[in-house]
């Protein structure tokens, strides 16, 4: 007797917010509901130099400046 094929199931739709939450759950937790993320970014030299110059002018390190830029970009998308 031949085996019956299982009925085709529709593909599961993944919700980007749930996937993002699961991905970030593995990052190092920091006080204040923050996480530490380490990654590299590849920028054109003039962009990297402009970013470094801005950080120097504002007396900040590049990591702090980039964090502020990313946070500001996120908040501007919500409004």
PDB file of N, CA and C in Angstrom:
ATOM      1  N   UNK A   1       0.842  -1.172   0.000  1.00  0.00           N
ATOM      2  CA  UNK A   1       0.000   0.000   0.000  1.00  0.00           C
ATOM      3  C   UNK A   1       0.896   1.247   0.000  1.00  0.00           C
ATOM      4  N   UNK A   2       0.712   2.190  -0.930  1.00  0.00           N
ATOM      5  CA  UNK A   2       1.566   3.378  -0.986  1.00  0.00           C
ATOM      6  C   UNK A   2       1.295   4.319   0.187  1.00  0.00           C
ATOM      7  N   UNK A   3       2.360   4.989   0.622  1.00  0.00           N
ATOM      8  CA  UNK A   3       2.226   5.948   1.728  1.00  0.00           C
ATOM      9  C   UNK A   3       1.585   7.234   1.231  1.00  0.00           C
ATOM     10  N   UNK A   4       0.780   7.788   2.059  1.00  0.00           N
ATOM     11  CA  UNK A   4       0.147   9.052   1.711  1.00  0.00           C
ATOM     12  C   UNK A   4       1.080  10.208   2.058  1.00  0.00           C
ATOM     13  N   UNK A   5       1.086  11.178   1.205  1.00  0.00           N
ATOM     14  CA  UNK A   5       1.878  12.381   1.482  1.00  0.00           C
ATOM     15  C   UNK A   5       1.169  13.233   2.524  1.00  0.00           C
ATOM     16  N   UNK A   6       1.930  13.854   3.396  1.00  0.00           N
ATOM     17  CA  UNK A   6       1.284  14.760   4.353  1.00  0.00           C
ATOM     18  C   UNK A   6       0.725  15.970   3.609  1.00  0.00           C
ATOM     19  N   UNK A   7      -0.334  16.554   4.114  1.00  0.00           N
ATOM     20  CA  UNK A   7      -0.908  17.724   3.429  1.00  0.00           C
ATOM     21  C   UNK A   7       0.091  18.880   3.431  1.00  0.00           C
ATOM     22  N   UNK A   8       0.090  19.625   2.356  1.00  0.00           N
ATOM     23  CA  UNK A   8       0.986  20.788   2.279  1.00  0.00           C
ATOM     24  C   UNK A   8       0.561  21.834   3.288  1.00  0.00           C
ATOM     25  N   UNK A   9       1.502  22.217   4.113  1.00  0.00           N
ATOM     26  CA  UNK A   9       1.227  23.250   5.102  1.00  0.00           C
ATOM     27  C   UNK A   9       1.696  24.583   4.528  1.00  0.00           C
ATOM     28  N   UNK A  10       0.957  25.639   4.777  1.00  0.00           N
ATOM     29  CA  UNK A  10       1.430  26.937   4.313  1.00  0.00           C
ATOM     30  C   UNK A  10       2.698  27.314   5.082  1.00  0.00           C
ATOM     31  N   UNK A  11       3.629  28.014   4.439  1.00  0.00           N
ATOM     32  CA  UNK A  11       4.846  28.392   5.155  1.00  0.00           C
ATOM     33  C   UNK A  11       4.519  29.309   6.330  1.00  0.00           C
ATOM     34  N   UNK A  12       5.254  29.119   7.413  1.00  0.00           N
ATOM     35  CA  UNK A  12       5.047  29.950   8.595  1.00  0.00           C
ATOM     36  C   UNK A  12       5.523  31.356   8.304  1.00  0.00           C
ATOM     37  N   UNK A  13       4.721  32.297   8.667  1.00  0.00           N
ATOM     38  CA  UNK A  13       5.131  33.690   8.506  1.00  0.00           C
ATOM     39  C   UNK A  13       5.904  34.094   9.754  1.00  0.00           C
ATOM     40  N   UNK A  14       7.087  34.610   9.547  1.00  0.00           N
ATOM     41  CA  UNK A  14       7.872  35.045  10.693  1.00  0.00           C
ATOM     42  C   UNK A  14       7.686  36.545  10.885  1.00  0.00           C
ATOM     43  N   UNK A  15       7.568  36.935  12.099  1.00  0.00           N
ATOM     44  CA  UNK A  15       7.391  38.332  12.446  1.00  0.00           C
ATOM     45  C   UNK A  15       8.771  38.919  12.733  1.00  0.00           C
ATOM     46  N   UNK A  16       9.186  39.946  11.991  1.00  0.00           N
ATOM     47  CA  UNK A  16      10.527  40.503  12.192  1.00  0.00           C
ATOM     48  C   UNK A  16      10.809  40.917  13.638  1.00  0.00           C
ATOM     49  N   UNK A  17       9.813  41.486  14.308  1.00  0.00           N
ATOM     50  CA  UNK A  17      10.035  41.921  15.692  1.00  0.00           C
ATOM     51  C   UNK A  17      10.337  40.743  16.613  1.00  0.00           C
ATOM     52  N   UNK A  18       9.649  39.618  16.410  1.00  0.00           N
ATOM     53  CA  UNK A  18       9.899  38.435  17.233  1.00  0.00           C
ATOM     54  C   UNK A  18      11.288  37.866  16.938  1.00  0.00           C
ATOM     55  N   UNK A  19      11.636  37.803  15.663  1.00  0.00           N
ATOM     56  CA  UNK A  19      12.966  37.312  15.298  1.00  0.00           C
ATOM     57  C   UNK A  19      14.056  38.212  15.881  1.00  0.00           C
ATOM     58  N   UNK A  20      13.848  39.515  15.829  1.00  0.00           N
ATOM     59  CA  UNK A  20      14.832  40.455  16.371  1.00  0.00           C
ATOM     60  C   UNK A  20      14.963  40.277  17.884  1.00  0.00           C
ATOM     61  N   UNK A  21      13.832  40.114  18.562  1.00  0.00           N
ATOM     62  CA  UNK A  21      13.866  39.926  20.018  1.00  0.00           C
ATOM     63  C   UNK A  21      14.630  38.651  20.378  1.00  0.00           C
ATOM     64  N   UNK A  22      14.400  37.584  19.623  1.00  0.00           N
ATOM     65  CA  UNK A  22      15.112  36.332  19.870  1.00  0.00           C
ATOM     66  C   UNK A  22      16.608  36.487  19.624  1.00  0.00           C
ATOM     67  N   UNK A  23      16.967  37.209  18.573  1.00  0.00           N
ATOM     68  CA  UNK A  23      18.385  37.408  18.250  1.00  0.00           C
ATOM     69  C   UNK A  23      19.084  38.222  19.329  1.00  0.00           C
ATOM     70  N   UNK A  24      18.443  39.276  19.797  1.00  0.00           N
ATOM     71  CA  UNK A  24      19.045  40.156  20.791  1.00  0.00           C
ATOM     72  C   UNK A  24      19.087  39.493  22.166  1.00  0.00           C
ATOM     73  N   UNK A  25      18.236  38.518  22.403  1.00  0.00           N
ATOM     74  CA  UNK A  25      18.221  37.822  23.692  1.00  0.00           C
ATOM     75  C   UNK A  25      19.561  37.149  23.986  1.00  0.00           C
ATOM     76  N   UNK A  26      20.343  36.887  22.947  1.00  0.00           N
ATOM     77  CA  UNK A  26      21.630  36.227  23.132  1.00  0.00           C
ATOM     78  C   UNK A  26      22.786  37.212  23.364  1.00  0.00           C
ATOM     79  N   UNK A  27      22.508  38.503  23.264  1.00  0.00           N
ATOM     80  CA  UNK A  27      23.547  39.512  23.475  1.00  0.00           C
ATOM     81  C   UNK A  27      23.766  39.731  24.975  1.00  0.00           C
ATOM     82  N   UNK A  28      24.909  40.300  25.301  1.00  0.00           N
ATOM     83  CA  UNK A  28      25.264  40.557  26.703  1.00  0.00           C
ATOM     84  C   UNK A  28      24.380  41.664  27.272  1.00  0.00           C
ATOM     85  N   UNK A  29      23.727  41.382  28.379  1.00  0.00           N
ATOM     86  CA  UNK A  29      22.848  42.365  29.018  1.00  0.00           C
ATOM     87  C   UNK A  29      23.680  43.365  29.813  1.00  0.00           C
ATOM     88  N   UNK A  30      23.277  44.619  29.728  1.00  0.00           N
ATOM     89  CA  UNK A  30      23.922  45.718  30.436  1.00  0.00           C
ATOM     90  C   UNK A  30      22.828  46.418  31.247  1.00  0.00           C
ATOM     91  N   UNK A  31      23.212  47.066  32.334  1.00  0.00           N
ATOM     92  CA  UNK A  31      22.239  47.755  33.183  1.00  0.00           C
ATOM     93  C   UNK A  31      21.403  48.742  32.369  1.00  0.00           C
ATOM     94  N   UNK A  32      20.177  48.948  32.802  1.00  0.00           N
ATOM     95  CA  UNK A  32      19.316  49.925  32.150  1.00  0.00           C
ATOM     96  C   UNK A  32      18.637  49.397  30.907  1.00  0.00           C
ATOM     97  N   UNK A  33      18.369  48.101  30.854  1.00  0.00           N
ATOM     98  CA  UNK A  33      17.686  47.490  29.713  1.00  0.00           C
ATOM     99  C   UNK A  33      18.429  47.730  28.403  1.00  0.00           C
ATOM    100  N   UNK A  34      19.748  47.612  28.463  1.00  0.00           N
ATOM    101  CA  UNK A  34      20.583  47.762  27.274  1.00  0.00           C
ATOM    102  C   UNK A  34      21.337  46.464  27.029  1.00  0.00           C
ATOM    103  N   UNK A  35      21.844  46.295  25.827  1.00  0.00           N
ATOM    104  CA  UNK A  35      22.667  45.144  25.481  1.00  0.00           C
ATOM    105  C   UNK A  35      23.937  45.632  24.801  1.00  0.00           C
ATOM    106  N   UNK A  36      25.000  44.863  24.976  1.00  0.00           N
ATOM    107  CA  UNK A  36      26.268  45.179  24.323  1.00  0.00           C
ATOM    108  C   UNK A  36      26.319  44.396  23.016  1.00  0.00           C
ATOM    109  N   UNK A  37      26.500  45.123  21.921  1.00  0.00           N
ATOM    110  CA  UNK A  37      26.622  44.501  20.607  1.00  0.00           C
ATOM    111  C   UNK A  37      27.976  44.888  20.026  1.00  0.00           C
ATOM    112  N   UNK A  38      28.671  43.919  19.529  1.00  0.00           N
ATOM    113  CA  UNK A  38      29.964  44.171  18.914  1.00  0.00           C
ATOM    114  C   UNK A  38      29.882  43.789  17.456  1.00  0.00           C
ATOM    115  N   UNK A  39      30.212  44.736  16.591  1.00  0.00           N
ATOM    116  CA  UNK A  39      30.224  44.450  15.165  1.00  0.00           C
ATOM    117  C   UNK A  39      31.179  45.406  14.467  1.00  0.00           C
ATOM    118  N   UNK A  40      31.534  45.073  13.260  1.00  0.00           N
ATOM    119  CA  UNK A  40      32.398  45.924  12.452  1.00  0.00           C
ATOM    120  C   UNK A  40      31.564  46.545  11.355  1.00  0.00           C
ATOM    121  N   UNK A  41      31.968  47.725  10.968  1.00  0.00           N
ATOM    122  CA  UNK A  41      31.292  48.408   9.878  1.00  0.00           C
ATOM    123  C   UNK A  41      32.355  48.820   8.862  1.00  0.00           C
ATOM    124  N   UNK A  42      32.031  48.690   7.597  1.00  0.00           N
ATOM    125  CA  UNK A  42      32.949  49.086   6.539  1.00  0.00           C
ATOM    126  C   UNK A  42      32.429  50.391   5.951  1.00  0.00           C
ATOM    127  N   UNK A  43      33.246  51.431   6.035  1.00  0.00           N
ATOM    128  CA  UNK A  43      32.861  52.746   5.551  1.00  0.00           C
ATOM    129  C   UNK A  43      33.884  53.248   4.542  1.00  0.00           C
ATOM    130  N   UNK A  44      33.454  54.080   3.622  1.00  0.00           N
ATOM    131  CA  UNK A  44      34.444  54.743   2.769  1.00  0.00           C
ATOM    132  C   UNK A  44      35.348  55.619   3.643  1.00  0.00           C
ATOM    133  N   UNK A  45      36.600  55.720   3.273  1.00  0.00           N
ATOM    134  CA  UNK A  45      37.551  56.482   4.080  1.00  0.00           C
ATOM    135  C   UNK A  45      37.062  57.898   4.399  1.00  0.00           C
ATOM    136  N   UNK A  46      36.536  58.647   3.431  1.00  0.00           N
ATOM    137  CA  UNK A  46      36.076  60.008   3.773  1.00  0.00           C
ATOM    138  C   UNK A  46      34.971  60.019   4.835  1.00  0.00           C
ATOM    139  N   UNK A  47      34.096  59.031   4.803  1.00  0.00           N
ATOM    140  CA  UNK A  47      33.028  58.944   5.806  1.00  0.00           C
ATOM    141  C   UNK A  47      33.629  58.631   7.174  1.00  0.00           C
ATOM    142  N   UNK A  48      34.557  57.697   7.224  1.00  0.00           N
ATOM    143  CA  UNK A  48      35.205  57.338   8.497  1.00  0.00           C
ATOM    144  C   UNK A  48      35.960  58.534   9.070  1.00  0.00           C
ATOM    145  N   UNK A  49      36.639  59.285   8.194  1.00  0.00           N
ATOM    146  CA  UNK A  49      37.381  60.467   8.662  1.00  0.00           C
ATOM    147  C   UNK A  49      36.431  61.542   9.167  1.00  0.00           C
ATOM    148  N   UNK A  50      35.309  61.734   8.479  1.00  0.00           N
ATOM    149  CA  UNK A  50      34.326  62.721   8.935  1.00  0.00           C
ATOM    150  C   UNK A  50      33.733  62.317  10.282  1.00  0.00           C
ATOM    151  N   UNK A  51      33.477  61.032  10.441  1.00  0.00           N
ATOM    152  CA  UNK A  51      32.942  60.526  11.712  1.00  0.00           C
ATOM    153  C   UNK A  51      33.955  60.739  12.836  1.00  0.00           C
ATOM    154  N   UNK A  52      35.214  60.440  12.568  1.00  0.00           N
ATOM    155  CA  UNK A  52      36.267  60.634  13.573  1.00  0.00           C
ATOM    156  C   UNK A  52      36.415  62.111  13.909  1.00  0.00           C
ATOM    157  N   UNK A  53      36.361  62.983  12.895  1.00  0.00           N
ATOM    158  CA  UNK A  53      36.493  64.425  13.144  1.00  0.00           C
ATOM    159  C   UNK A  53      35.339  64.931  14.004  1.00  0.00           C
ATOM    160  N   UNK A  54      34.142  64.452  13.707  1.00  0.00           N
ATOM    161  CA  UNK A  54      32.981  64.861  14.511  1.00  0.00           C
ATOM    162  C   UNK A  54      33.133  64.401  15.950  1.00  0.00           C
ATOM    163  N   UNK A  55      33.594  63.175  16.146  1.00  0.00           N
ATOM    164  CA  UNK A  55      33.794  62.659  17.505  1.00  0.00           C
ATOM    165  C   UNK A  55      34.827  63.502  18.247  1.00  0.00           C
ATOM    166  N   UNK A  56      35.894  63.889  17.557  1.00  0.00           N
ATOM    167  CA  UNK A  56      36.932  64.719  18.190  1.00  0.00           C
ATOM    168  C   UNK A  56      36.362  66.082  18.552  1.00  0.00           C
ATOM    169  N   UNK A  57      35.617  66.694  17.621  1.00  0.00           N
ATOM    170  CA  UNK A  57      35.021  68.010  17.897  1.00  0.00           C
ATOM    171  C   UNK A  57      34.081  67.951  19.096  1.00  0.00           C
ATOM    172  N   UNK A  58      33.309  66.878  19.194  1.00  0.00           N
ATOM    173  CA  UNK A  58      32.344  66.745  20.283  1.00  0.00           C
ATOM    174  C   UNK A  58      32.957  66.121  21.532  1.00  0.00           C
ATOM    175  N   UNK A  59      34.248  65.847  21.467  1.00  0.00           N
ATOM    176  CA  UNK A  59      34.995  65.255  22.590  1.00  0.00           C
ATOM    177  C   UNK A  59      34.348  63.958  23.070  1.00  0.00           C
ATOM    178  N   UNK A  60      34.052  63.081  22.110  1.00  0.00           N
ATOM    179  CA  UNK A  60      33.461  61.772  22.397  1.00  0.00           C
ATOM    180  C   UNK A  60      34.286  60.724  21.672  1.00  0.00           C
ATOM    181  N   UNK A  61      34.176  59.476  22.129  1.00  0.00           N
ATOM    182  CA  UNK A  61      34.799  58.427  21.335  1.00  0.00           C
ATOM    183  C   UNK A  61      33.818  58.016  20.234  1.00  0.00           C
ATOM    184  N   UNK A  62      34.332  57.375  19.211  1.00  0.00           N
ATOM    185  CA  UNK A  62      33.505  57.041  18.054  1.00  0.00           C
ATOM    186  C   UNK A  62      32.340  56.132  18.441  1.00  0.00           C
ATOM    187  N   UNK A  63      32.576  55.188  19.343  1.00  0.00           N
ATOM    188  CA  UNK A  63      31.500  54.269  19.742  1.00  0.00           C
ATOM    189  C   UNK A  63      30.321  55.028  20.356  1.00  0.00           C
ATOM    190  N   UNK A  64      30.617  56.002  21.209  1.00  0.00           N
ATOM    191  CA  UNK A  64      29.555  56.802  21.818  1.00  0.00           C
ATOM    192  C   UNK A  64      28.811  57.608  20.766  1.00  0.00           C
ATOM    193  N   UNK A  65      29.551  58.205  19.850  1.00  0.00           N
ATOM    194  CA  UNK A  65      28.938  58.995  18.798  1.00  0.00           C
ATOM    195  C   UNK A  65      28.030  58.138  17.914  1.00  0.00           C
ATOM    196  N   UNK A  66      28.515  56.976  17.509  1.00  0.00           N
ATOM    197  CA  UNK A  66      27.716  56.089  16.665  1.00  0.00           C
ATOM    198  C   UNK A  66      26.462  55.625  17.414  1.00  0.00           C
ATOM    199  N   UNK A  67      26.597  55.328  18.694  1.00  0.00           N
ATOM    200  CA  UNK A  67      25.432  54.944  19.499  1.00  0.00           C
ATOM    201  C   UNK A  67      24.393  56.058  19.490  1.00  0.00           C
ATOM    202  N   UNK A  68      24.830  57.293  19.693  1.00  0.00           N
ATOM    203  CA  UNK A  68      23.901  58.421  19.687  1.00  0.00           C
ATOM    204  C   UNK A  68      23.227  58.587  18.326  1.00  0.00           C
ATOM    205  N   UNK A  69      23.993  58.420  17.247  1.00  0.00           N
ATOM    206  CA  UNK A  69      23.432  58.552  15.903  1.00  0.00           C
ATOM    207  C   UNK A  69      22.385  57.472  15.654  1.00  0.00           C
ATOM    208  N   UNK A  70      22.699  56.234  16.039  1.00  0.00           N
ATOM    209  CA  UNK A  70      21.760  55.131  15.826  1.00  0.00           C
ATOM    210  C   UNK A  70      20.494  55.302  16.665  1.00  0.00           C
ATOM    211  N   UNK A  71      20.659  55.719  17.911  1.00  0.00           N
ATOM    212  CA  UNK A  71      19.490  55.939  18.760  1.00  0.00           C
ATOM    213  C   UNK A  71      18.618  57.051  18.206  1.00  0.00           C
ATOM    214  N   UNK A  72      19.211  58.138  17.737  1.00  0.00           N
ATOM    215  CA  UNK A  72      18.444  59.244  17.163  1.00  0.00           C
ATOM    216  C   UNK A  72      17.714  58.788  15.905  1.00  0.00           C
ATOM    217  N   UNK A  73      18.352  57.985  15.084  1.00  0.00           N
ATOM    218  CA  UNK A  73      17.714  57.489  13.862  1.00  0.00           C
ATOM    219  C   UNK A  73      16.518  56.602  14.211  1.00  0.00           C
ATOM    220  N   UNK A  74      16.644  55.780  15.239  1.00  0.00           N
ATOM    221  CA  UNK A  74      15.539  54.905  15.641  1.00  0.00           C
ATOM    222  C   UNK A  74      14.361  55.720  16.130  1.00  0.00           C
ATOM    223  N   UNK A  75      14.604  56.721  16.962  1.00  0.00           N
ATOM    224  CA  UNK A  75      13.516  57.516  17.496  1.00  0.00           C
ATOM    225  C   UNK A  75      12.822  58.327  16.412  1.00  0.00           C
ATOM    226  N   UNK A  76      13.581  58.789  15.427  1.00  0.00           N
ATOM    227  CA  UNK A  76      12.963  59.578  14.362  1.00  0.00           C
ATOM    228  C   UNK A  76      12.031  58.730  13.510  1.00  0.00           C
ATOM    229  N   UNK A  77      12.289  57.416  13.428  1.00  0.00           N
ATOM    230  CA  UNK A  77      11.421  56.523  12.654  1.00  0.00           C
ATOM    231  C   UNK A  77      10.111  56.261  13.371  1.00  0.00           C
ATOM    232  N   UNK A  78      10.084  56.390  14.686  1.00  0.00           N
ATOM    233  CA  UNK A  78       8.871  56.077  15.462  1.00  0.00           C
ATOM    234  C   UNK A  78       7.856  57.218  15.402  1.00  0.00           C
ATOM    235  N   UNK A  79       8.285  58.417  15.083  1.00  0.00           N
ATOM    236  CA  UNK A  79       7.345  59.540  15.108  1.00  0.00           C
ATOM    237  C   UNK A  79       6.777  59.820  13.753  1.00  0.00           C
TER     238      UNK A  79
END
